[in-house]
Amino acid sequence: MISTINRLTREFEKKHGYRPNLLYLNAEKLELLKEQFSEPQIDIISQLIGMEIIIVNDLKESYVSWAQISWKHTSIA
């Protein structure tokens, strides 16, 4: 899942010239993502990947986007 996020992020940044700040995924993909981290809390994962995580249950494919939002986390990267 991390490699998918990296690929989506690179493709988005190449196309738009800036990094995405939103990651959309379904609950199943979120569980896969949590398994790849030693600290599987969604807030910590969000800080590590530098994106807010939005869970959409009926979503088939994960994707990233950008929105003008107030970042609610302190970056730890």
C-alpha atoms as a PDB file:
ATOM      1  CA  MET A   1       0.000   0.000   0.000  1.00  0.00           C
ATOM      2  CA  ILE A   2       2.857   2.402   0.737  1.00  0.00           C
ATOM      3  CA  SER A   3       4.254   1.860  -2.748  1.00  0.00           C
ATOM      4  CA  THR A   4       0.818   2.648  -4.201  1.00  0.00           C
ATOM      5  CA  ILE A   5       0.651   5.887  -2.218  1.00  0.00           C
ATOM      6  CA  ASN A   6       4.160   6.819  -3.377  1.00  0.00           C
ATOM      7  CA  ARG A   7       3.224   6.147  -7.001  1.00  0.00           C
ATOM      8  CA  LEU A   8      -0.023   8.127  -6.746  1.00  0.00           C
ATOM      9  CA  THR A   9       1.825  11.004  -5.080  1.00  0.00           C
ATOM     10  CA  ARG A  10       4.580  11.105  -7.725  1.00  0.00           C
ATOM     11  CA  GLU A  11       2.039  11.000 -10.578  1.00  0.00           C
ATOM     12  CA  PHE A  12      -0.029  13.772  -8.991  1.00  0.00           C
ATOM     13  CA  GLU A  13       3.008  15.968  -8.343  1.00  0.00           C
ATOM     14  CA  LYS A  14       4.331  15.459 -11.871  1.00  0.00           C
ATOM     15  CA  LYS A  15       0.966  16.410 -13.376  1.00  0.00           C
ATOM     16  CA  HIS A  16       0.114  19.364 -11.108  1.00  0.00           C
ATOM     17  CA  GLY A  17       3.495  20.626  -9.892  1.00  0.00           C
ATOM     18  CA  TYR A  18       2.658  20.289  -6.194  1.00  0.00           C
ATOM     19  CA  ARG A  19       2.119  17.486  -3.710  1.00  0.00           C
ATOM     20  CA  PRO A  20      -1.327  16.167  -2.798  1.00  0.00           C
ATOM     21  CA  ASN A  21      -2.595  16.623   0.737  1.00  0.00           C
ATOM     22  CA  LEU A  22      -5.548  14.213   0.695  1.00  0.00           C
ATOM     23  CA  LEU A  23      -5.553  10.429   0.403  1.00  0.00           C
ATOM     24  CA  TYR A  24      -8.832   8.691  -0.372  1.00  0.00           C
ATOM     25  CA  LEU A  25      -9.127   4.978   0.324  1.00  0.00           C
ATOM     26  CA  ASN A  26     -11.624   2.385   1.489  1.00  0.00           C
ATOM     27  CA  ALA A  27     -11.618   0.655   4.878  1.00  0.00           C
ATOM     28  CA  GLU A  28      -9.934  -2.464   3.473  1.00  0.00           C
ATOM     29  CA  LYS A  29      -7.030  -0.442   2.039  1.00  0.00           C
ATOM     30  CA  LEU A  30      -6.762   1.471   5.309  1.00  0.00           C
ATOM     31  CA  GLU A  31      -6.292  -1.808   7.185  1.00  0.00           C
ATOM     32  CA  LEU A  32      -3.572  -2.837   4.715  1.00  0.00           C
ATOM     33  CA  LEU A  33      -1.882   0.512   5.263  1.00  0.00           C
ATOM     34  CA  LYS A  34      -2.074   0.169   9.052  1.00  0.00           C
ATOM     35  CA  GLU A  35      -0.375  -3.232   8.849  1.00  0.00           C
ATOM     36  CA  GLN A  36       2.667  -1.585   7.250  1.00  0.00           C
ATOM     37  CA  PHE A  37       3.298   0.715  10.203  1.00  0.00           C
ATOM     38  CA  SER A  38       4.529  -0.151  13.666  1.00  0.00           C
ATOM     39  CA  GLU A  39       2.191   2.534  15.040  1.00  0.00           C
ATOM     40  CA  PRO A  40      -1.126   1.838  13.278  1.00  0.00           C
ATOM     41  CA  GLN A  41      -3.010   4.920  14.487  1.00  0.00           C
ATOM     42  CA  ILE A  42      -4.586   6.869  11.650  1.00  0.00           C
ATOM     43  CA  ASP A  43      -3.388  10.243  12.999  1.00  0.00           C
ATOM     44  CA  ILE A  44       0.220   9.081  13.114  1.00  0.00           C
ATOM     45  CA  ILE A  45       0.018   7.533   9.637  1.00  0.00           C
ATOM     46  CA  SER A  46      -1.463  10.785   8.340  1.00  0.00           C
ATOM     47  CA  GLN A  47       1.492  12.705   9.789  1.00  0.00           C
ATOM     48  CA  LEU A  48       4.016  10.289   8.320  1.00  0.00           C
ATOM     49  CA  ILE A  49       2.588  10.384   4.798  1.00  0.00           C
ATOM     50  CA  GLY A  50       1.862  14.117   4.962  1.00  0.00           C
ATOM     51  CA  MET A  51      -1.777  13.774   3.922  1.00  0.00           C
ATOM     52  CA  GLU A  52      -5.171  13.760   5.536  1.00  0.00           C
ATOM     53  CA  ILE A  53      -6.794  10.345   5.148  1.00  0.00           C
ATOM     54  CA  ILE A  54     -10.367  10.190   3.915  1.00  0.00           C
ATOM     55  CA  ILE A  55     -12.189   6.864   4.116  1.00  0.00           C
ATOM     56  CA  VAL A  56     -14.813   6.195   1.443  1.00  0.00           C
ATOM     57  CA  ASN A  57     -16.309   2.750   1.962  1.00  0.00           C
ATOM     58  CA  ASP A  58     -17.515   2.116  -1.596  1.00  0.00           C
ATOM     59  CA  LEU A  59     -14.309   3.351  -3.235  1.00  0.00           C
ATOM     60  CA  LYS A  60     -12.713   0.819  -5.599  1.00  0.00           C
ATOM     61  CA  GLU A  61      -9.317   2.482  -6.222  1.00  0.00           C
ATOM     62  CA  SER A  62      -7.357   4.730  -3.896  1.00  0.00           C
ATOM     63  CA  TYR A  63      -6.464   8.207  -5.149  1.00  0.00           C
ATOM     64  CA  VAL A  64      -4.916  11.451  -3.983  1.00  0.00           C
ATOM     65  CA  SER A  65      -5.931  15.062  -4.449  1.00  0.00           C
ATOM     66  CA  TRP A  66      -5.296  18.526  -3.100  1.00  0.00           C
ATOM     67  CA  ALA A  67      -7.614  20.899  -1.292  1.00  0.00           C
ATOM     68  CA  GLN A  68      -7.012  24.142   0.531  1.00  0.00           C
ATOM     69  CA  ILE A  69      -7.447  22.908   4.075  1.00  0.00           C
ATOM     70  CA  SER A  70      -5.955  23.714   7.425  1.00  0.00           C
ATOM     71  CA  TRP A  71      -3.454  20.978   8.237  1.00  0.00           C
ATOM     72  CA  LYS A  72      -4.512  19.595  11.593  1.00  0.00           C
ATOM     73  CA  HIS A  73      -1.330  17.632  12.276  1.00  0.00           C
ATOM     74  CA  THR A  74       2.206  18.601  13.108  1.00  0.00           C
ATOM     75  CA  SER A  75       4.560  17.054  10.585  1.00  0.00           C
ATOM     76  CA  ILE A  76       6.966  14.545  12.082  1.00  0.00           C
ATOM     77  CA  ALA A  77       8.859  13.811   8.878  1.00  0.00           C
END
